[in-house]
């Protein structure tokens, strides 16, 4: 069997669990394939990697922050999962050589939200990047009829029409809210009724920082006592956001389950095989918790 090469495109990527997760798949199925995390600080770096997919040097690519929107715009075609969301986390090479963008984040996150959410049809998403777009779509897929989005850069002093990502969230039918701790703010009102709250930024991620600052900016007393909180960050396994939530008795979950879920769906797209999720999760946890392999 010919060995195939797969990569992760993002910045930073040194913290990524993806090589370990995909390596577990290859070992389970006896495949000679390789998976590498490629740090891409600039758009030109991303385009070089996409060209490698187009030429067939790379059989497929995952995409992580901050390049999910850019990957969609740079692909030759888009599957509905990516086009409808406005972001791509998977690229594959079609038979005609075209690079096709997909999004497996949505299905993976929707699965976790449906399993953990409280009763209710309202959700709040924190952030305005590609992961936030997927989170809005996932909340809808998990049954939310109302999704409110807020980002730390969306402040009262700024013109709402200038908010980064506004058009994409409008297209997805999300309600937009200024980031505010005020009792009467739209964000506070949305948090009071939210059955699900998704933290979709890189804040708190190893190599990114900002987790404590974000946790300090959230009006925790507004949240329902039975709300389900999900942080898309998976490294560290307990972010400041989750630590604060749990200290208040709130139910929360980190992003490892979503990471494994989206990887399993990517493997099916690239190779047409079932992915061993338990083994993929164990491989990631060995790294996360400092266990020997």
Protein backbone atom coordinates (compact mmCIF):
# COMPACT_ATOMS: atom_id res chain seq x y z
CA UNK A 1 0.00 0.00 0.00
CA UNK A 2 1.26 3.46 -0.87
CA UNK A 3 2.04 5.66 2.13
CA UNK A 4 -0.02 8.85 2.21
CA UNK A 5 0.84 12.11 3.93
CA UNK A 6 -1.65 14.21 5.90
CA UNK A 7 -1.08 17.50 7.69
CA UNK A 8 -2.55 19.99 10.12
CA UNK A 9 -2.49 23.65 9.06
CA UNK A 10 -2.64 26.25 11.84
CA UNK A 11 -0.76 28.67 14.05
CA UNK A 12 0.41 27.78 16.62
CA UNK A 13 0.39 23.98 16.28
CA UNK A 14 3.17 22.75 18.58
CA UNK A 15 0.54 21.85 21.19
CA UNK A 16 -1.60 19.79 18.79
CA UNK A 17 -2.84 16.32 19.65
CA UNK A 18 -3.79 15.61 16.03
CA UNK A 19 -0.61 13.68 15.04
CA UNK A 20 -1.13 11.33 18.00
CA UNK A 21 -4.85 10.93 17.27
CA UNK A 22 -4.36 10.12 13.60
CA UNK A 23 -1.35 7.93 14.36
CA UNK A 24 -3.65 5.76 16.47
CA UNK A 25 -5.88 5.23 13.42
CA UNK A 26 -2.96 4.20 11.23
CA UNK A 27 -1.66 1.75 13.83
CA UNK A 28 -5.10 0.21 14.34
CA UNK A 29 -5.55 -0.41 10.61
CA UNK A 30 -1.91 -1.24 9.84
CA UNK A 31 -1.51 1.72 7.51
CA UNK A 32 1.87 3.24 6.51
CA UNK A 33 0.51 6.81 6.46
CA UNK A 34 2.05 9.86 8.18
CA UNK A 35 0.50 12.93 9.80
CA UNK A 36 2.39 16.14 10.58
CA UNK A 37 1.46 19.45 12.21
CA UNK A 38 2.70 22.33 10.02
CA UNK A 39 2.95 25.76 11.60
CA UNK A 40 1.63 28.43 9.20
CA UNK A 41 2.07 31.96 10.58
CA UNK A 42 0.96 33.70 7.36
CA UNK A 43 -1.60 33.36 4.59
CA UNK A 44 1.21 32.62 2.15
CA UNK A 45 2.28 29.70 4.33
CA UNK A 46 -1.27 28.35 4.23
CA UNK A 47 -1.50 28.72 0.45
CA UNK A 48 1.76 26.79 0.03
CA UNK A 49 0.32 23.87 1.97
CA UNK A 50 -2.96 23.97 0.05
CA UNK A 51 -0.96 23.87 -3.19
CA UNK A 52 0.75 20.71 -1.89
CA UNK A 53 -2.70 19.15 -1.50
CA UNK A 54 -3.63 20.29 -5.01
CA UNK A 55 -0.46 18.72 -6.45
CA UNK A 56 -1.10 15.45 -4.64
CA UNK A 57 1.93 15.70 -2.34
CA UNK A 58 -0.50 15.81 0.59
CA UNK A 59 -3.54 13.52 0.58
CA UNK A 60 -5.54 15.68 2.97
CA UNK A 61 -5.28 18.44 5.53
CA UNK A 62 -6.94 19.46 8.74
CA UNK A 63 -7.21 23.20 9.43
CA UNK A 64 -7.27 24.84 12.84
CA UNK A 65 -7.14 28.39 14.21
CA UNK A 66 -6.77 30.95 12.81
CA UNK A 67 -7.16 29.70 9.25
CA UNK A 68 -10.58 28.02 8.98
CA UNK A 69 -12.24 30.90 7.12
CA UNK A 70 -9.20 31.44 4.92
CA UNK A 71 -9.03 27.74 4.05
CA UNK A 72 -12.61 27.82 2.83
CA UNK A 73 -11.93 30.90 0.69
CA UNK A 74 -8.77 29.33 -0.74
CA UNK A 75 -10.24 25.95 -1.68
CA UNK A 76 -11.36 25.21 -5.22
CA UNK A 77 -14.74 23.88 -4.13
CA UNK A 78 -16.71 23.63 -0.91
CA UNK A 79 -18.91 20.88 0.42
CA UNK A 80 -22.18 22.11 1.92
CA UNK A 81 -20.85 21.41 5.43
CA UNK A 82 -18.21 24.11 4.94
CA UNK A 83 -20.11 26.47 2.65
CA UNK A 84 -23.12 26.63 4.94
CA UNK A 85 -20.95 27.21 8.02
CA UNK A 86 -18.49 29.69 6.53
CA UNK A 87 -15.40 27.82 7.72
CA UNK A 88 -13.45 24.68 6.82
CA UNK A 89 -11.44 22.34 9.02
CA UNK A 90 -10.85 19.57 6.45
CA UNK A 91 -9.38 19.74 2.95
CA UNK A 92 -9.22 16.83 0.54
CA UNK A 93 -8.05 16.36 -3.02
CA UNK A 94 -10.76 15.29 -5.44
CA UNK A 95 -10.11 12.97 -8.39
CA UNK A 96 -9.81 15.97 -10.71
CA UNK A 97 -7.13 17.55 -8.50
CA UNK A 98 -9.40 20.18 -6.98
CA UNK A 99 -9.07 20.98 -3.28
CA UNK A 100 -12.47 20.54 -1.62
CA UNK A 101 -13.28 22.15 1.73
CA UNK A 102 -15.36 20.32 4.35
CA UNK A 103 -16.39 21.01 7.93
CA UNK A 104 -16.51 18.10 10.38
CA UNK A 105 -16.41 20.34 13.48
CA UNK A 106 -20.16 20.93 13.33
CA UNK A 107 -21.25 17.30 13.48
CA UNK A 108 -18.66 16.46 16.14
CA UNK A 109 -19.67 19.33 18.42
CA UNK A 110 -23.40 18.85 17.85
CA UNK A 111 -23.02 15.28 19.08
CA UNK A 112 -21.49 16.45 22.37
CA UNK A 113 -23.96 19.29 22.88
CA UNK A 114 -26.94 17.02 22.30
CA UNK A 115 -25.55 14.57 24.87
CA UNK A 116 -24.89 17.13 27.57
CA UNK A 117 -27.30 20.00 27.19
CA UNK A 118 -29.97 20.96 29.69
CA UNK A 119 -33.64 21.37 28.84
CA UNK A 120 -34.22 24.45 26.71
CA UNK A 121 -33.77 25.74 23.19
CA UNK A 122 -31.45 28.73 23.75
CA UNK A 123 -27.65 28.79 23.40
CA UNK A 124 -24.80 31.30 23.72
CA UNK A 125 -21.54 31.16 21.75
CA UNK A 126 -18.52 33.15 22.90
CA UNK A 127 -16.12 34.13 20.11
CA UNK A 128 -16.26 35.22 16.49
CA UNK A 129 -13.77 33.03 14.63
CA UNK A 130 -14.17 29.94 12.50
CA UNK A 131 -14.79 27.76 15.54
CA UNK A 132 -17.61 30.09 16.60
CA UNK A 133 -19.29 29.67 13.22
CA UNK A 134 -19.16 25.90 13.64
CA UNK A 135 -20.47 26.27 17.19
CA UNK A 136 -23.52 28.22 16.01
CA UNK A 137 -24.31 25.56 13.42
CA UNK A 138 -23.72 22.81 16.01
CA UNK A 139 -26.07 24.46 18.49
CA UNK A 140 -28.75 24.56 15.80
CA UNK A 141 -28.14 20.91 14.95
CA UNK A 142 -28.41 20.02 18.65
CA UNK A 143 -31.85 21.64 18.84
CA UNK A 144 -31.26 25.29 19.73
CA UNK A 145 -33.77 27.63 18.12
CA UNK A 146 -32.07 30.75 19.49
CA UNK A 147 -28.29 31.29 19.41
CA UNK A 148 -26.67 34.48 20.72
CA UNK A 149 -23.06 35.27 19.80
CA UNK A 150 -20.76 37.68 21.60
CA UNK A 151 -17.03 38.38 21.29
CA UNK A 152 -14.63 40.31 23.51
CA UNK A 153 -13.86 42.72 20.67
CA UNK A 154 -17.54 43.59 20.25
CA UNK A 155 -17.74 46.53 22.62
CA UNK A 156 -20.24 49.34 23.12
CA UNK A 157 -17.89 51.97 21.69
CA UNK A 158 -17.49 50.15 18.38
CA UNK A 159 -19.80 50.45 15.38
CA UNK A 160 -21.65 47.09 15.22
CA UNK A 161 -21.36 47.08 11.44
CA UNK A 162 -17.57 46.85 11.89
CA UNK A 163 -17.66 43.76 14.12
CA UNK A 164 -15.44 41.06 12.65
CA UNK A 165 -17.50 38.16 11.37
CA UNK A 166 -20.85 39.91 11.67
CA UNK A 167 -22.00 39.07 8.15
CA UNK A 168 -21.29 35.36 8.62
CA UNK A 169 -23.21 35.21 11.89
CA UNK A 170 -26.10 37.18 10.40
CA UNK A 171 -26.24 34.64 7.59
CA UNK A 172 -26.46 31.82 10.15
CA UNK A 173 -29.36 33.57 11.87
CA UNK A 174 -27.55 34.24 15.15
CA UNK A 175 -28.41 37.10 17.49
CA UNK A 176 -25.40 39.36 18.09
CA UNK A 177 -24.65 40.92 21.46
CA UNK A 178 -22.15 43.45 22.73
CA UNK A 179 -19.70 41.94 25.23
CA UNK A 180 -20.87 43.38 28.53
CA UNK A 181 -21.19 42.35 32.16
CA UNK A 182 -24.02 44.81 32.71
CA UNK A 183 -27.12 43.31 34.33
CA UNK A 184 -29.39 44.62 31.60
CA UNK A 185 -27.18 43.75 28.62
CA UNK A 186 -28.33 41.46 25.81
CA UNK A 187 -25.52 39.04 26.67
CA UNK A 188 -26.63 38.81 30.31
CA UNK A 189 -30.22 38.20 29.26
CA UNK A 190 -29.12 35.50 26.82
CA UNK A 191 -27.00 33.77 29.46
CA UNK A 192 -29.94 33.65 31.86
CA UNK A 193 -31.92 31.45 29.48
CA UNK A 194 -29.11 29.49 27.80
CA UNK A 195 -29.17 25.72 28.14
CA UNK A 196 -25.78 25.60 26.39
CA UNK A 197 -22.79 27.97 26.47
CA UNK A 198 -19.90 27.31 24.08
CA UNK A 199 -16.50 28.94 24.61
CA UNK A 200 -15.14 28.89 21.05
CA UNK A 201 -12.01 31.06 21.25
CA UNK A 202 -8.40 29.94 21.72
CA UNK A 203 -8.27 31.68 25.11
CA UNK A 204 -6.67 29.39 27.66
CA UNK A 205 -5.05 27.15 25.08
CA UNK A 206 -1.43 26.16 25.61
CA UNK A 207 0.63 28.67 23.66
CA UNK A 208 -2.19 31.20 23.37
CA UNK A 209 -2.90 32.41 26.92
CA UNK A 210 -5.75 34.72 27.81
CA UNK A 211 -7.82 32.08 29.55
CA UNK A 212 -7.95 33.71 32.95
CA UNK A 213 -8.79 37.08 31.45
CA UNK A 214 -11.71 35.58 29.54
CA UNK A 215 -12.98 33.72 32.59
CA UNK A 216 -12.88 36.94 34.61
CA UNK A 217 -14.95 38.76 31.98
CA UNK A 218 -17.91 36.36 32.03
CA UNK A 219 -20.96 37.28 34.18
CA UNK A 220 -21.11 33.86 35.83
CA UNK A 221 -23.96 34.70 38.18
CA UNK A 222 -26.27 35.10 35.20
CA UNK A 223 -25.93 31.47 34.10
CA UNK A 224 -28.55 28.83 34.78
CA UNK A 225 -27.50 26.31 37.42
CA UNK A 226 -28.19 23.45 34.99
CA UNK A 227 -26.48 24.99 31.95
CA UNK A 228 -24.04 22.81 30.00
CA UNK A 229 -20.74 24.58 29.23
CA UNK A 230 -18.42 23.40 26.47
CA UNK A 231 -14.91 24.74 25.85
CA UNK A 232 -13.49 23.90 22.42
CA UNK A 233 -9.96 24.16 23.86
CA UNK A 234 -8.58 20.71 24.68
CA UNK A 235 -5.04 21.50 25.86
CA UNK A 236 -4.98 21.97 28.80
CA UNK A 237 -7.86 19.59 29.57
CA UNK A 238 -9.16 21.97 32.25
CA UNK A 239 -9.06 25.60 31.10
CA UNK A 240 -9.69 28.59 33.38
CA UNK A 241 -13.18 28.74 31.82
CA UNK A 242 -13.95 25.16 32.87
CA UNK A 243 -12.24 25.54 36.22
CA UNK A 244 -14.42 28.53 37.06
CA UNK A 245 -17.55 26.75 35.85
CA UNK A 246 -16.87 23.68 37.94
CA UNK A 247 -16.06 25.75 41.02
CA UNK A 248 -19.59 27.12 40.75
CA UNK A 249 -21.13 23.67 40.39
CA UNK A 250 -21.80 24.00 36.66
CA UNK A 251 -21.48 21.08 34.25
CA UNK A 252 -18.66 21.53 31.76
CA UNK A 253 -16.65 19.60 29.19
CA UNK A 254 -13.41 20.27 27.34
CA UNK A 255 -12.77 20.05 23.63
CA UNK A 256 -11.04 16.67 23.39
CA UNK A 257 -14.29 14.89 22.53
CA UNK A 258 -14.90 17.32 19.68
CA UNK A 259 -11.30 16.98 18.48
CA UNK A 260 -11.56 13.20 18.32
CA UNK A 261 -15.01 13.35 16.72
CA UNK A 262 -13.99 15.71 13.95
CA UNK A 263 -10.83 13.66 13.31
CA UNK A 264 -12.86 10.46 13.00
CA UNK A 265 -15.11 12.11 10.43
CA UNK A 266 -12.06 13.44 8.54
CA UNK A 267 -10.59 9.93 8.41
CA UNK A 268 -13.81 8.65 6.86
CA UNK A 269 -13.67 11.40 4.23
CA UNK A 270 -10.01 10.79 3.36
CA UNK A 271 -9.77 7.01 3.64
CA UNK A 272 -13.33 5.68 3.80
CA UNK A 273 -12.63 3.69 6.97
CA UNK A 274 -14.09 3.66 10.47
CA UNK A 275 -11.91 5.37 13.04
CA UNK A 276 -11.29 3.76 16.46
CA UNK A 277 -12.44 6.62 18.69
CA UNK A 278 -11.50 4.96 21.97
CA UNK A 279 -7.92 4.41 20.80
CA UNK A 280 -7.73 7.92 19.37
CA UNK A 281 -8.90 9.39 22.66
CA UNK A 282 -6.43 7.26 24.64
CA UNK A 283 -3.54 8.40 22.43
CA UNK A 284 -4.40 12.05 23.04
CA UNK A 285 -4.87 11.54 26.77
CA UNK A 286 -1.43 9.97 27.09
CA UNK A 287 0.01 13.26 25.90
CA UNK A 288 -2.40 15.50 27.78
CA UNK A 289 -1.92 13.82 31.12
CA UNK A 290 1.78 13.04 30.74
CA UNK A 291 1.31 9.31 30.49
CA UNK A 292 3.89 7.19 28.75
CA UNK A 293 2.96 5.66 25.41
